[in-house]
C-alpha atoms as a PDB file:
ATOM      1  CA  MET A   1     -30.230 -92.080 -10.587  1.00  0.00           C
ATOM      2  CA  SER A   2     -33.216 -91.075 -12.907  1.00  0.00           C
ATOM      3  CA  GLU A   3     -36.238 -93.416 -13.634  1.00  0.00           C
ATOM      4  CA  ARG A   4     -34.965 -93.934 -17.581  1.00  0.00           C
ATOM      5  CA  GLY A   5     -31.902 -93.324 -19.120  1.00  0.00           C
ATOM      6  CA  PHE A   6     -28.588 -94.884 -20.545  1.00  0.00           C
ATOM      7  CA  ARG A   7     -24.759 -94.125 -19.804  1.00  0.00           C
ATOM      8  CA  PHE A   8     -21.247 -95.408 -21.171  1.00  0.00           C
ATOM      9  CA  LEU A   9     -19.347 -98.021 -19.105  1.00  0.00           C
ATOM     10  CA  GLU A  10     -15.658 -98.380 -19.179  1.00  0.00           C
ATOM     11  CA  HIS A  11     -14.562-100.688 -21.701  1.00  0.00           C
ATOM     12  CA  THR A  12     -11.048-101.289 -23.655  1.00  0.00           C
ATOM     13  CA  ALA A  13     -11.829-101.224 -27.016  1.00  0.00           C
ATOM     14  CA  ASP A  14     -15.483-100.826 -27.944  1.00  0.00           C
ATOM     15  CA  VAL A  15     -18.587 -98.908 -26.254  1.00  0.00           C
ATOM     16  CA  LEU A  16     -20.364-100.381 -23.417  1.00  0.00           C
ATOM     17  CA  VAL A  17     -24.129 -99.072 -23.037  1.00  0.00           C
ATOM     18  CA  GLU A  18     -26.130 -99.508 -19.773  1.00  0.00           C
ATOM     19  CA  ALA A  19     -30.079 -98.723 -20.263  1.00  0.00           C
ATOM     20  CA  TRP A  20     -32.704 -98.806 -17.946  1.00  0.00           C
ATOM     21  CA  GLY A  21     -36.581 -97.879 -17.566  1.00  0.00           C
ATOM     22  CA  PRO A  22     -39.690 -98.684 -15.473  1.00  0.00           C
ATOM     23  CA  SER A  23     -40.413-101.254 -18.311  1.00  0.00           C
ATOM     24  CA  LEU A  24     -38.582-103.615 -20.909  1.00  0.00           C
ATOM     25  CA  GLU A  25     -39.895-101.593 -23.490  1.00  0.00           C
ATOM     26  CA  ALA A  26     -38.468 -98.390 -21.928  1.00  0.00           C
ATOM     27  CA  ALA A  27     -35.184-100.020 -21.362  1.00  0.00           C
ATOM     28  CA  PHE A  28     -35.367-101.212 -25.413  1.00  0.00           C
ATOM     29  CA  GLU A  29     -36.085 -97.783 -25.994  1.00  0.00           C
ATOM     30  CA  GLU A  30     -33.058 -95.929 -23.980  1.00  0.00           C
ATOM     31  CA  MET A  31     -30.644 -98.383 -25.138  1.00  0.00           C
ATOM     32  CA  ALA A  32     -31.348 -97.439 -28.948  1.00  0.00           C
ATOM     33  CA  ARG A  33     -31.108 -93.962 -27.999  1.00  0.00           C
ATOM     34  CA  GLY A  34     -27.572 -94.525 -26.542  1.00  0.00           C
ATOM     35  CA  MET A  35     -26.662 -96.391 -29.481  1.00  0.00           C
ATOM     36  CA  ILE A  36     -27.618 -93.323 -31.751  1.00  0.00           C
ATOM     37  CA  GLU A  37     -25.836 -91.079 -29.199  1.00  0.00           C
ATOM     38  CA  ILE A  38     -22.594 -92.825 -30.236  1.00  0.00           C
ATOM     39  CA  MET A  39     -22.968 -92.109 -33.501  1.00  0.00           C
ATOM     40  CA  THR A  40     -24.049 -88.295 -33.219  1.00  0.00           C
ATOM     41  CA  ASP A  41     -25.912 -85.557 -30.800  1.00  0.00           C
ATOM     42  CA  THR A  42     -29.264 -86.993 -30.286  1.00  0.00           C
ATOM     43  CA  SER A  43     -30.886 -83.526 -29.372  1.00  0.00           C
ATOM     44  CA  LYS A  44     -29.920 -82.108 -32.669  1.00  0.00           C
ATOM     45  CA  ILE A  45     -32.107 -85.191 -34.599  1.00  0.00           C
ATOM     46  CA  GLU A  46     -35.449 -83.766 -35.405  1.00  0.00           C
ATOM     47  CA  PRO A  47     -38.174 -86.379 -35.524  1.00  0.00           C
ATOM     48  CA  ARG A  48     -39.065 -85.669 -39.031  1.00  0.00           C
ATOM     49  CA  GLU A  49     -40.285 -88.764 -40.544  1.00  0.00           C
ATOM     50  CA  ARG A  50     -41.856 -92.036 -39.046  1.00  0.00           C
ATOM     51  CA  LYS A  51     -40.957 -95.885 -39.447  1.00  0.00           C
ATOM     52  CA  GLU A  52     -42.447 -98.813 -38.000  1.00  0.00           C
ATOM     53  CA  ILE A  53     -40.263-101.549 -36.876  1.00  0.00           C
ATOM     54  CA  GLU A  54     -41.301-105.110 -35.950  1.00  0.00           C
ATOM     55  CA  VAL A  55     -38.969-107.858 -35.317  1.00  0.00           C
ATOM     56  CA  CYS A  56     -38.799-110.722 -33.348  1.00  0.00           C
ATOM     57  CA  GLY A  57     -36.051-113.335 -31.640  1.00  0.00           C
ATOM     58  CA  PHE A  58     -35.729-116.721 -29.728  1.00  0.00           C
ATOM     59  CA  ASP A  59     -35.027-114.878 -26.732  1.00  0.00           C
ATOM     60  CA  LEU A  60     -35.098-111.397 -24.973  1.00  0.00           C
ATOM     61  CA  GLU A  61     -31.254-111.430 -25.861  1.00  0.00           C
ATOM     62  CA  ASN A  62     -31.659-112.170 -29.237  1.00  0.00           C
ATOM     63  CA  LEU A  63     -34.623-109.733 -29.556  1.00  0.00           C
ATOM     64  CA  LEU A  64     -32.888-106.715 -28.455  1.00  0.00           C
ATOM     65  CA  TYR A  65     -29.853-107.759 -30.613  1.00  0.00           C
ATOM     66  CA  ARG A  66     -32.350-107.555 -33.599  1.00  0.00           C
ATOM     67  CA  TRP A  67     -33.981-104.392 -32.558  1.00  0.00           C
ATOM     68  CA  LEU A  68     -30.701-102.327 -32.218  1.00  0.00           C
ATOM     69  CA  GLU A  69     -29.554-104.348 -35.559  1.00  0.00           C
ATOM     70  CA  GLU A  70     -32.489-103.079 -37.331  1.00  0.00           C
ATOM     71  CA  LEU A  71     -31.726 -99.551 -36.366  1.00  0.00           C
ATOM     72  CA  LEU A  72     -28.351 -99.847 -37.430  1.00  0.00           C
ATOM     73  CA  TYR A  73     -29.456-101.310 -40.904  1.00  0.00           C
ATOM     74  CA  LEU A  74     -31.575 -98.252 -41.550  1.00  0.00           C
ATOM     75  CA  HIS A  75     -28.950 -95.960 -40.859  1.00  0.00           C
ATOM     76  CA  ASP A  76     -26.228 -97.612 -42.724  1.00  0.00           C
ATOM     77  CA  SER A  77     -28.367 -98.539 -45.810  1.00  0.00           C
ATOM     78  CA  GLU A  78     -30.815 -95.567 -45.869  1.00  0.00           C
ATOM     79  CA  ASN A  79     -28.499 -92.712 -43.665  1.00  0.00           C
ATOM     80  CA  TYR A  80     -30.929 -92.124 -40.943  1.00  0.00           C
ATOM     81  CA  VAL A  81     -30.637 -91.137 -37.281  1.00  0.00           C
ATOM     82  CA  PHE A  82     -33.096 -91.491 -34.813  1.00  0.00           C
ATOM     83  CA  SER A  83     -34.379 -89.176 -31.607  1.00  0.00           C
ATOM     84  CA  LYS A  84     -37.422 -90.488 -30.403  1.00  0.00           C
ATOM     85  CA  PHE A  85     -38.245 -93.733 -29.820  1.00  0.00           C
ATOM     86  CA  ARG A  86     -41.704 -96.045 -28.699  1.00  0.00           C
ATOM     87  CA  VAL A  87     -41.442 -99.558 -28.090  1.00  0.00           C
ATOM     88  CA  GLU A  88     -45.548-100.252 -28.097  1.00  0.00           C
ATOM     89  CA  LYS A  89     -45.251-103.836 -26.967  1.00  0.00           C
ATOM     90  CA  ILE A  90     -43.100-107.213 -26.315  1.00  0.00           C
ATOM     91  CA  GLU A  91     -44.666-110.179 -26.223  1.00  0.00           C
ATOM     92  CA  LYS A  92     -43.819-113.472 -25.957  1.00  0.00           C
ATOM     93  CA  ARG A  93     -45.578-115.586 -28.878  1.00  0.00           C
ATOM     94  CA  ARG A  94     -45.629-119.225 -29.337  1.00  0.00           C
ATOM     95  CA  SER A  95     -46.193-120.406 -33.178  1.00  0.00           C
ATOM     96  CA  ASN A  96     -45.510-124.091 -34.226  1.00  0.00           C
ATOM     97  CA  GLU A  97     -44.352-125.195 -30.867  1.00  0.00           C
ATOM     98  CA  GLU A  98     -41.714-122.892 -30.847  1.00  0.00           C
ATOM     99  CA  GLU A  99     -41.470-119.451 -28.611  1.00  0.00           C
ATOM    100  CA  GLU A 100     -40.089-116.462 -30.024  1.00  0.00           C
ATOM    101  CA  TYR A 101     -40.326-112.358 -28.670  1.00  0.00           C
ATOM    102  CA  CYS A 102     -41.670-109.701 -30.678  1.00  0.00           C
ATOM    103  CA  LEU A 103     -41.509-106.183 -30.294  1.00  0.00           C
ATOM    104  CA  ARG A 104     -43.173-103.576 -32.135  1.00  0.00           C
ATOM    105  CA  ALA A 105     -42.025 -99.713 -32.201  1.00  0.00           C
ATOM    106  CA  GLU A 106     -42.231 -96.405 -34.331  1.00  0.00           C
ATOM    107  CA  VAL A 107     -39.003 -94.317 -34.144  1.00  0.00           C
ATOM    108  CA  TRP A 108     -38.554 -90.944 -35.456  1.00  0.00           C
ATOM    109  CA  GLY A 109     -35.492 -89.076 -37.242  1.00  0.00           C
ATOM    110  CA  GLU A 110     -34.445 -87.872 -40.567  1.00  0.00           C
ATOM    111  CA  ARG A 111     -31.347 -88.294 -42.443  1.00  0.00           C
ATOM    112  CA  PHE A 112     -28.227 -87.522 -41.202  1.00  0.00           C
ATOM    113  CA  ASP A 113     -26.822 -84.298 -42.756  1.00  0.00           C
ATOM    114  CA  ARG A 114     -23.077 -83.494 -41.773  1.00  0.00           C
ATOM    115  CA  GLU A 115     -24.398 -79.144 -41.713  1.00  0.00           C
ATOM    116  CA  ARG A 116     -26.588 -80.179 -38.550  1.00  0.00           C
ATOM    117  CA  HIS A 117     -25.463 -83.694 -37.480  1.00  0.00           C
ATOM    118  CA  GLU A 118     -22.053 -83.938 -35.436  1.00  0.00           C
ATOM    119  CA  PRO A 119     -20.484 -86.950 -36.981  1.00  0.00           C
ATOM    120  CA  ARG A 120     -19.027 -89.026 -34.095  1.00  0.00           C
ATOM    121  CA  THR A 121     -17.483 -92.470 -33.667  1.00  0.00           C
ATOM    122  CA  VAL A 122     -19.008 -95.608 -36.402  1.00  0.00           C
ATOM    123  CA  VAL A 123     -20.798 -98.328 -34.765  1.00  0.00           C
ATOM    124  CA  LYS A 124     -20.134-101.166 -37.065  1.00  0.00           C
ATOM    125  CA  ALA A 125     -21.982-103.533 -34.961  1.00  0.00           C
ATOM    126  CA  VAL A 126     -24.166-104.828 -32.064  1.00  0.00           C
ATOM    127  CA  THR A 127     -22.713-107.652 -30.435  1.00  0.00           C
ATOM    128  CA  TYR A 128     -23.558-110.410 -27.785  1.00  0.00           C
ATOM    129  CA  ALA A 129     -20.690-109.127 -25.728  1.00  0.00           C
ATOM    130  CA  GLN A 130     -21.445-108.720 -22.360  1.00  0.00           C
ATOM    131  CA  MET A 131     -25.226-108.400 -22.846  1.00  0.00           C
ATOM    132  CA  LYS A 132     -27.496-108.739 -20.163  1.00  0.00           C
ATOM    133  CA  ILE A 133     -31.230-108.107 -19.394  1.00  0.00           C
ATOM    134  CA  GLU A 134     -32.665-108.084 -16.016  1.00  0.00           C
ATOM    135  CA  LYS A 135     -35.158-107.014 -13.938  1.00  0.00           C
ATOM    136  CA  HIS A 136     -34.199-105.521 -10.411  1.00  0.00           C
ATOM    137  CA  GLY A 137     -36.865-104.642  -8.297  1.00  0.00           C
ATOM    138  CA  SER A 138     -39.527-102.533 -10.304  1.00  0.00           C
ATOM    139  CA  VAL A 139     -36.560-101.438 -12.953  1.00  0.00           C
ATOM    140  CA  TRP A 140     -35.165-103.324 -15.985  1.00  0.00           C
ATOM    141  CA  ARG A 141     -31.762-103.373 -16.683  1.00  0.00           C
ATOM    142  CA  ALA A 142     -30.146-103.873 -20.202  1.00  0.00           C
ATOM    143  CA  GLN A 143     -26.452-103.327 -21.455  1.00  0.00           C
ATOM    144  CA  THR A 144     -24.137-104.728 -24.429  1.00  0.00           C
ATOM    145  CA  VAL A 145     -21.279-103.693 -26.414  1.00  0.00           C
ATOM    146  CA  PHE A 146     -21.012-102.257 -29.818  1.00  0.00           C
ATOM    147  CA  ASP A 147     -18.296-102.806 -31.713  1.00  0.00           C
ATOM    148  CA  ILE A 148     -16.566 -99.684 -33.267  1.00  0.00           C
END
């Protein structure tokens, strides 16, 4: 298995994706790539435009959910698809006695164009179903189910 990547796992109705990488940030990047790959072939997406994303969650699972939800929102509201992901930093912050995890990232892509981008399956939502984020030795693994 390569140092980083993603794969689709068996699931009865929806799509289960497992992603991995040498850092938590890399695993989040690969999960994003996996989600976009459900919708279209990421190798055909040109990284023409850059978007900055900053999201926070009350734990790592909520952070993963919010990250993917933000990308899905950009797809649904502005018709963007992405091929390049760089999660700069995931950090734990403390504010008003509450801890939260925050992520800063840059993503590159372009508006979906049926002439160049193969329409695949519509991702309706990110879910918490079977969601896990774990570190095994030096490899971070994340998985979740996407509602299609």
